[in-house]
């Protein structure tokens, strides 16, 4: 089995001005369902472009869409596996915000732990058989992450999902959740060219606004959610 994960972010990781930061995404368990979902989503976008002149020649990101149009695109994903990782910034240690590197390291940690929890829920629900997963493809929206930061995230994902992790304080080894995983690929994509990243943008935006409005039950009814810290 090959798993494809597409992720985007919503909010600003800045404790002074923001209380919520979100990773949102969509997961496909084979390439065929991924391609079908991509075509279906482009069709939903095209309907909006046909009906509304202001959308004709622009990329349909959450930041430019009316709420009802964001809602219609989100509903087009009803049958997909959607998830969000919600960071409550008031609970994050102040020293994490000291510099760019420590902030990025925390976000990498939050992403890998959140994604692991999402996969564990899919395994517990018998949607994924962890022994059958051979390849994991992770696609993130391209942003200002430096090249070495991207390398560090790939290493973190490999430790969690492929190689296992060792806690030196407790002298304990934690095996990976996909013990037969052969490969992890991490790629940063231009959302203008990848409809699946635009899906993730809409999902992250929905999770962000429901979290801000404290509509947690509604959020959990719409997607798999993991809260941090």
Protein backbone atom coordinates (compact mmCIF):
# COMPACT_ATOMS: atom_id res chain seq x y z
CA UNK A 1 0.00 0.00 0.00
CA UNK A 2 1.14 3.52 -0.86
CA UNK A 3 -0.16 6.47 1.18
CA UNK A 4 -0.33 10.03 -0.16
CA UNK A 5 -0.63 12.97 2.27
CA UNK A 6 -1.24 16.60 1.24
CA UNK A 7 -0.93 19.33 3.86
CA UNK A 8 -1.27 23.10 4.21
CA UNK A 9 -1.24 25.47 7.19
CA UNK A 10 -3.56 28.16 8.52
CA UNK A 11 -2.84 30.87 11.08
CA UNK A 12 0.35 32.56 12.24
CA UNK A 13 2.73 30.84 14.65
CA UNK A 14 3.01 33.87 16.92
CA UNK A 15 1.72 33.56 20.48
CA UNK A 16 1.36 37.32 21.03
CA UNK A 17 -1.09 37.84 18.18
CA UNK A 18 -2.67 34.44 17.58
CA UNK A 19 -4.04 31.60 19.71
CA UNK A 20 -4.59 28.89 17.07
CA UNK A 21 -2.28 27.40 14.43
CA UNK A 22 -3.44 24.56 12.20
CA UNK A 23 -2.09 21.95 9.82
CA UNK A 24 -4.89 20.62 7.64
CA UNK A 25 -4.77 17.92 5.03
CA UNK A 26 -6.15 15.03 3.05
CA UNK A 27 -4.97 11.42 2.83
CA UNK A 28 -5.32 8.97 -0.07
CA UNK A 29 -4.61 5.25 0.21
CA UNK A 30 -3.88 4.63 -3.48
CA UNK A 31 -3.01 6.64 -6.58
CA UNK A 32 -6.32 5.95 -8.34
CA UNK A 33 -8.49 7.49 -5.61
CA UNK A 34 -6.04 10.42 -5.48
CA UNK A 35 -6.43 11.08 -9.22
CA UNK A 36 -10.24 10.73 -9.11
CA UNK A 37 -10.45 13.18 -6.19
CA UNK A 38 -8.19 15.63 -8.02
CA UNK A 39 -10.43 15.65 -11.10
CA UNK A 40 -13.56 15.98 -8.98
CA UNK A 41 -12.09 18.93 -7.08
CA UNK A 42 -11.00 20.74 -10.26
CA UNK A 43 -14.55 20.26 -11.57
CA UNK A 44 -15.95 21.86 -8.39
CA UNK A 45 -13.51 24.77 -8.79
CA UNK A 46 -14.46 25.20 -12.46
CA UNK A 47 -18.15 25.47 -11.56
CA UNK A 48 -17.33 28.35 -9.23
CA UNK A 49 -15.21 30.01 -11.94
CA UNK A 50 -18.03 29.70 -14.48
CA UNK A 51 -20.56 31.28 -12.13
CA UNK A 52 -18.40 34.05 -10.65
CA UNK A 53 -16.30 36.36 -12.80
CA UNK A 54 -14.02 37.36 -9.93
CA UNK A 55 -12.71 33.79 -9.69
CA UNK A 56 -12.07 33.30 -13.41
CA UNK A 57 -8.30 33.79 -13.67
CA UNK A 58 -7.15 33.26 -10.10
CA UNK A 59 -6.10 30.36 -7.91
CA UNK A 60 -9.01 29.44 -5.64
CA UNK A 61 -7.42 29.68 -2.20
CA UNK A 62 -9.41 30.09 1.02
CA UNK A 63 -8.11 33.65 1.50
CA UNK A 64 -10.00 34.96 -1.57
CA UNK A 65 -13.15 32.82 -1.45
CA UNK A 66 -16.49 33.83 0.04
CA UNK A 67 -17.48 31.67 3.01
CA UNK A 68 -20.27 29.88 1.12
CA UNK A 69 -17.86 29.03 -1.72
CA UNK A 70 -15.25 27.71 0.73
CA UNK A 71 -18.08 25.62 2.18
CA UNK A 72 -19.05 24.17 -1.20
CA UNK A 73 -15.42 23.17 -1.94
CA UNK A 74 -15.09 21.63 1.52
CA UNK A 75 -18.30 19.63 1.00
CA UNK A 76 -16.88 18.28 -2.26
CA UNK A 77 -14.32 16.47 -0.03
CA UNK A 78 -16.98 14.72 2.10
CA UNK A 79 -15.88 11.23 1.05
CA UNK A 80 -12.15 11.82 1.52
CA UNK A 81 -9.99 11.19 4.60
CA UNK A 82 -9.46 14.70 5.97
CA UNK A 83 -7.54 15.69 9.09
CA UNK A 84 -6.27 18.61 11.11
CA UNK A 85 -3.55 19.13 13.71
CA UNK A 86 -4.59 22.03 15.94
CA UNK A 87 -1.96 23.80 18.06
CA UNK A 88 -3.29 25.79 21.03
CA UNK A 89 -0.58 28.40 21.22
CA UNK A 90 -1.35 29.58 24.75
CA UNK A 91 -0.11 26.15 25.94
CA UNK A 92 3.16 26.28 23.96
CA UNK A 93 6.25 27.17 26.01
CA UNK A 94 7.40 30.78 25.55
CA UNK A 95 11.00 29.75 24.78
CA UNK A 96 9.81 27.93 21.63
CA UNK A 97 9.13 31.39 20.14
CA UNK A 98 12.65 32.65 20.91
CA UNK A 99 13.94 32.25 17.36
CA UNK A 100 13.03 31.01 13.91
CA UNK A 101 14.84 27.69 14.28
CA UNK A 102 13.16 26.69 17.56
CA UNK A 103 9.75 27.64 16.10
CA UNK A 104 10.36 25.49 13.02
CA UNK A 105 11.62 22.61 15.14
CA UNK A 106 8.43 22.71 17.21
CA UNK A 107 6.22 22.85 14.10
CA UNK A 108 8.07 19.83 12.65
CA UNK A 109 7.53 18.00 15.95
CA UNK A 110 3.83 18.93 16.02
CA UNK A 111 3.35 17.83 12.43
CA UNK A 112 5.02 14.42 12.79
CA UNK A 113 3.26 13.66 16.12
CA UNK A 114 -0.10 14.87 14.79
CA UNK A 115 0.25 12.84 11.61
CA UNK A 116 1.22 9.78 13.64
CA UNK A 117 -1.93 10.15 15.77
CA UNK A 118 -4.06 10.47 12.61
CA UNK A 119 -2.52 7.27 11.19
CA UNK A 120 -3.06 5.47 14.50
CA UNK A 121 -6.76 6.35 14.37
CA UNK A 122 -6.95 5.00 10.81
CA UNK A 123 -5.17 1.80 11.92
CA UNK A 124 -7.49 1.41 14.94
CA UNK A 125 -10.50 1.87 12.62
CA UNK A 126 -9.13 -0.86 10.31
CA UNK A 127 -8.96 1.63 7.42
CA UNK A 128 -5.18 1.06 7.18
CA UNK A 129 -3.30 -2.20 7.80
CA UNK A 130 0.02 -0.93 9.16
CA UNK A 131 1.90 -4.01 7.90
CA UNK A 132 0.88 -3.36 4.29
CA UNK A 133 2.18 0.22 4.03
CA UNK A 134 5.32 0.30 1.85
CA UNK A 135 5.62 3.92 0.73
CA UNK A 136 4.59 7.23 2.24
CA UNK A 137 4.46 10.32 0.03
CA UNK A 138 4.09 13.64 1.87
CA UNK A 139 3.34 16.80 -0.11
CA UNK A 140 3.34 20.18 1.65
CA UNK A 141 2.54 23.63 0.34
CA UNK A 142 5.79 25.36 -0.49
CA UNK A 143 6.64 28.17 1.89
CA UNK A 144 9.78 29.80 3.22
CA UNK A 145 11.23 26.71 4.94
CA UNK A 146 14.98 26.64 4.32
CA UNK A 147 16.49 23.61 2.57
CA UNK A 148 18.08 22.33 5.80
CA UNK A 149 14.67 22.70 7.51
CA UNK A 150 13.10 20.48 4.87
CA UNK A 151 15.83 17.90 5.42
CA UNK A 152 15.20 17.97 9.18
CA UNK A 153 11.46 17.37 8.68
CA UNK A 154 12.19 14.41 6.39
CA UNK A 155 14.50 12.94 9.04
CA UNK A 156 11.83 13.44 11.71
CA UNK A 157 9.20 11.69 9.57
CA UNK A 158 11.58 8.81 8.83
CA UNK A 159 12.30 8.37 12.55
CA UNK A 160 8.60 8.29 13.44
CA UNK A 161 7.28 6.16 10.59
CA UNK A 162 10.19 4.12 9.20
CA UNK A 163 13.07 3.68 11.66
CA UNK A 164 11.54 4.11 15.11
CA UNK A 165 12.65 6.46 17.90
CA UNK A 166 14.74 6.01 21.04
CA UNK A 167 14.08 7.84 24.30
CA UNK A 168 17.45 8.16 26.04
CA UNK A 169 15.93 9.40 29.32
CA UNK A 170 13.86 6.24 29.67
CA UNK A 171 16.22 3.94 27.75
CA UNK A 172 13.26 2.85 25.64
CA UNK A 173 12.85 2.16 21.91
CA UNK A 174 9.56 3.01 20.19
CA UNK A 175 9.10 1.02 16.97
CA UNK A 176 7.77 2.78 13.86
CA UNK A 177 4.05 2.42 13.17
CA UNK A 178 4.77 1.17 9.63
CA UNK A 179 7.35 -1.57 10.22
CA UNK A 180 7.52 -2.60 6.54
CA UNK A 181 7.86 0.94 5.19
CA UNK A 182 10.50 1.09 2.45
CA UNK A 183 10.47 4.77 1.56
CA UNK A 184 9.29 8.22 2.60
CA UNK A 185 9.24 11.03 0.06
CA UNK A 186 8.74 14.65 1.13
CA UNK A 187 7.98 17.23 -1.52
CA UNK A 188 7.06 20.92 -1.40
CA UNK A 189 4.56 21.94 -4.08
CA UNK A 190 3.15 25.03 -5.74
CA UNK A 191 -0.56 24.97 -4.89
CA UNK A 192 -1.40 26.64 -8.22
CA UNK A 193 -0.29 23.42 -9.93
CA UNK A 194 -1.56 20.87 -7.37
CA UNK A 195 -5.31 20.66 -6.70
CA UNK A 196 -4.66 18.37 -3.71
CA UNK A 197 -2.70 21.16 -1.97
CA UNK A 198 -5.63 23.50 -2.62
CA UNK A 199 -7.87 20.89 -0.95
CA UNK A 200 -5.53 20.98 2.06
CA UNK A 201 -5.75 24.79 2.09
CA UNK A 202 -9.56 24.63 2.32
CA UNK A 203 -9.41 21.93 5.04
CA UNK A 204 -6.84 23.87 7.12
CA UNK A 205 -8.96 27.02 6.81
CA UNK A 206 -12.11 25.18 7.94
CA UNK A 207 -10.28 23.67 10.94
CA UNK A 208 -8.79 27.07 11.83
CA UNK A 209 -12.12 28.89 11.91
CA UNK A 210 -13.98 26.13 13.76
CA UNK A 211 -11.15 26.01 16.34
CA UNK A 212 -11.20 29.81 16.74
CA UNK A 213 -14.98 29.68 17.20
CA UNK A 214 -14.54 26.82 19.73
CA UNK A 215 -16.86 24.62 17.68
CA UNK A 216 -14.83 21.55 18.59
CA UNK A 217 -17.66 19.00 18.27
CA UNK A 218 -18.44 20.26 14.77
CA UNK A 219 -14.75 20.11 13.84
CA UNK A 220 -14.42 16.53 15.10
CA UNK A 221 -17.54 15.52 13.16
CA UNK A 222 -16.01 16.84 9.94
CA UNK A 223 -12.49 15.36 10.10
CA UNK A 224 -9.91 13.50 12.18
CA UNK A 225 -8.44 15.98 14.68
CA UNK A 226 -5.43 15.95 16.99
CA UNK A 227 -4.82 18.78 19.46
CA UNK A 228 -1.41 19.92 20.74
CA UNK A 229 0.24 20.43 23.12
